[in-house]
Amino acid sequence: MITITAAELQKKFGRYREAAIRQPVAITHHGRDSLVLLSAEEYARLKSCDDRKAYYAWELPDDVV
């Protein structure tokens, strides 16, 4: 994974947009990881693996209660 600063992303967005298609790009802010830029294809793949569901308290299935 490539790691860059937020300022560097602003200056060279096109370069890192292309890089994010091949691998995730970590973006730091004040020396700490802040965001990760990744391709739409990778995002869709990750979302398809997410089977979590949000419930209101009164909607909780009996096996969860």
C-alpha atoms as a PDB file:
ATOM      1  CA  MET A   1       0.000   0.000   0.000  1.00  0.00           C
ATOM      2  CA  ILE A   2       1.282   3.437  -0.912  1.00  0.00           C
ATOM      3  CA  THR A   3       1.229   6.053   1.877  1.00  0.00           C
ATOM      4  CA  ILE A   4       1.067   9.765   1.060  1.00  0.00           C
ATOM      5  CA  THR A   5       0.166  13.029   2.786  1.00  0.00           C
ATOM      6  CA  ALA A   6      -3.078  14.865   2.136  1.00  0.00           C
ATOM      7  CA  ALA A   7      -1.087  17.780   0.688  1.00  0.00           C
ATOM      8  CA  GLU A   8       0.677  15.457  -1.742  1.00  0.00           C
ATOM      9  CA  LEU A   9      -2.697  14.039  -2.836  1.00  0.00           C
ATOM     10  CA  GLN A  10      -3.937  17.543  -3.623  1.00  0.00           C
ATOM     11  CA  LYS A  11      -0.862  18.321  -5.704  1.00  0.00           C
ATOM     12  CA  LYS A  12      -0.725  15.030  -7.636  1.00  0.00           C
ATOM     13  CA  PHE A  13      -4.281  13.698  -7.569  1.00  0.00           C
ATOM     14  CA  GLY A  14      -4.153  12.216 -11.091  1.00  0.00           C
ATOM     15  CA  ARG A  15      -1.088  10.139 -10.284  1.00  0.00           C
ATOM     16  CA  TYR A  16      -2.595   8.694  -7.108  1.00  0.00           C
ATOM     17  CA  ARG A  17      -6.003   8.132  -8.698  1.00  0.00           C
ATOM     18  CA  GLU A  18      -4.284   5.868 -11.211  1.00  0.00           C
ATOM     19  CA  ALA A  19      -2.259   4.186  -8.447  1.00  0.00           C
ATOM     20  CA  ALA A  20      -5.441   3.483  -6.451  1.00  0.00           C
ATOM     21  CA  ILE A  21      -6.778   1.415  -9.344  1.00  0.00           C
ATOM     22  CA  ARG A  22      -3.896  -1.024  -8.806  1.00  0.00           C
ATOM     23  CA  GLN A  23      -3.558  -0.876  -5.000  1.00  0.00           C
ATOM     24  CA  PRO A  24      -4.996   1.059  -2.033  1.00  0.00           C
ATOM     25  CA  VAL A  25      -3.427   4.439  -1.249  1.00  0.00           C
ATOM     26  CA  ALA A  26      -3.288   5.449   2.436  1.00  0.00           C
ATOM     27  CA  ILE A  27      -3.628   9.191   3.032  1.00  0.00           C
ATOM     28  CA  THR A  28      -2.193  10.718   6.181  1.00  0.00           C
ATOM     29  CA  HIS A  29      -3.094  13.966   7.905  1.00  0.00           C
ATOM     30  CA  HIS A  30      -0.726  15.366  10.531  1.00  0.00           C
ATOM     31  CA  GLY A  31       1.240  12.118  10.442  1.00  0.00           C
ATOM     32  CA  ARG A  32      -1.694   9.793  11.139  1.00  0.00           C
ATOM     33  CA  ASP A  33      -3.637   7.571   8.746  1.00  0.00           C
ATOM     34  CA  SER A  34      -6.814   9.391   7.815  1.00  0.00           C
ATOM     35  CA  LEU A  35      -8.287   7.891   4.629  1.00  0.00           C
ATOM     36  CA  VAL A  36      -7.738   5.115   2.119  1.00  0.00           C
ATOM     37  CA  LEU A  37      -8.286   5.685  -1.587  1.00  0.00           C
ATOM     38  CA  LEU A  38      -9.233   2.542  -3.493  1.00  0.00           C
ATOM     39  CA  SER A  39     -10.781   1.568  -6.787  1.00  0.00           C
ATOM     40  CA  ALA A  40     -14.540   1.357  -7.256  1.00  0.00           C
ATOM     41  CA  GLU A  41     -14.113  -2.327  -8.132  1.00  0.00           C
ATOM     42  CA  GLU A  42     -12.342  -3.060  -4.839  1.00  0.00           C
ATOM     43  CA  TYR A  43     -14.958  -1.073  -2.911  1.00  0.00           C
ATOM     44  CA  ALA A  44     -17.766  -3.082  -4.542  1.00  0.00           C
ATOM     45  CA  ARG A  45     -15.954  -6.329  -3.702  1.00  0.00           C
ATOM     46  CA  LEU A  46     -15.622  -5.325  -0.058  1.00  0.00           C
ATOM     47  CA  LYS A  47     -19.265  -4.227   0.155  1.00  0.00           C
ATOM     48  CA  SER A  48     -20.430  -7.539  -1.281  1.00  0.00           C
ATOM     49  CA  CYS A  49     -18.703  -9.328   1.617  1.00  0.00           C
ATOM     50  CA  ASP A  50     -20.496  -7.191   4.216  1.00  0.00           C
ATOM     51  CA  ASP A  51     -23.611  -8.990   5.404  1.00  0.00           C
ATOM     52  CA  ARG A  52     -24.268  -6.809   8.462  1.00  0.00           C
ATOM     53  CA  LYS A  53     -27.743  -5.413   8.967  1.00  0.00           C
ATOM     54  CA  ALA A  54     -28.965  -2.619  11.233  1.00  0.00           C
ATOM     55  CA  TYR A  55     -32.093  -3.149  13.346  1.00  0.00           C
ATOM     56  CA  TYR A  56     -34.266  -1.068  15.595  1.00  0.00           C
ATOM     57  CA  ALA A  57     -34.472  -2.570  19.084  1.00  0.00           C
ATOM     58  CA  TRP A  58     -38.013  -3.862  18.470  1.00  0.00           C
ATOM     59  CA  GLU A  59     -36.915  -5.551  15.222  1.00  0.00           C
ATOM     60  CA  LEU A  60     -34.113  -7.639  16.744  1.00  0.00           C
ATOM     61  CA  PRO A  61     -34.319 -11.329  15.922  1.00  0.00           C
ATOM     62  CA  ASP A  62     -34.868 -13.634  18.912  1.00  0.00           C
ATOM     63  CA  ASP A  63     -31.445 -15.275  18.519  1.00  0.00           C
ATOM     64  CA  VAL A  64     -29.763 -11.860  18.933  1.00  0.00           C
ATOM     65  CA  VAL A  65     -31.835 -10.787  21.950  1.00  0.00           C
END
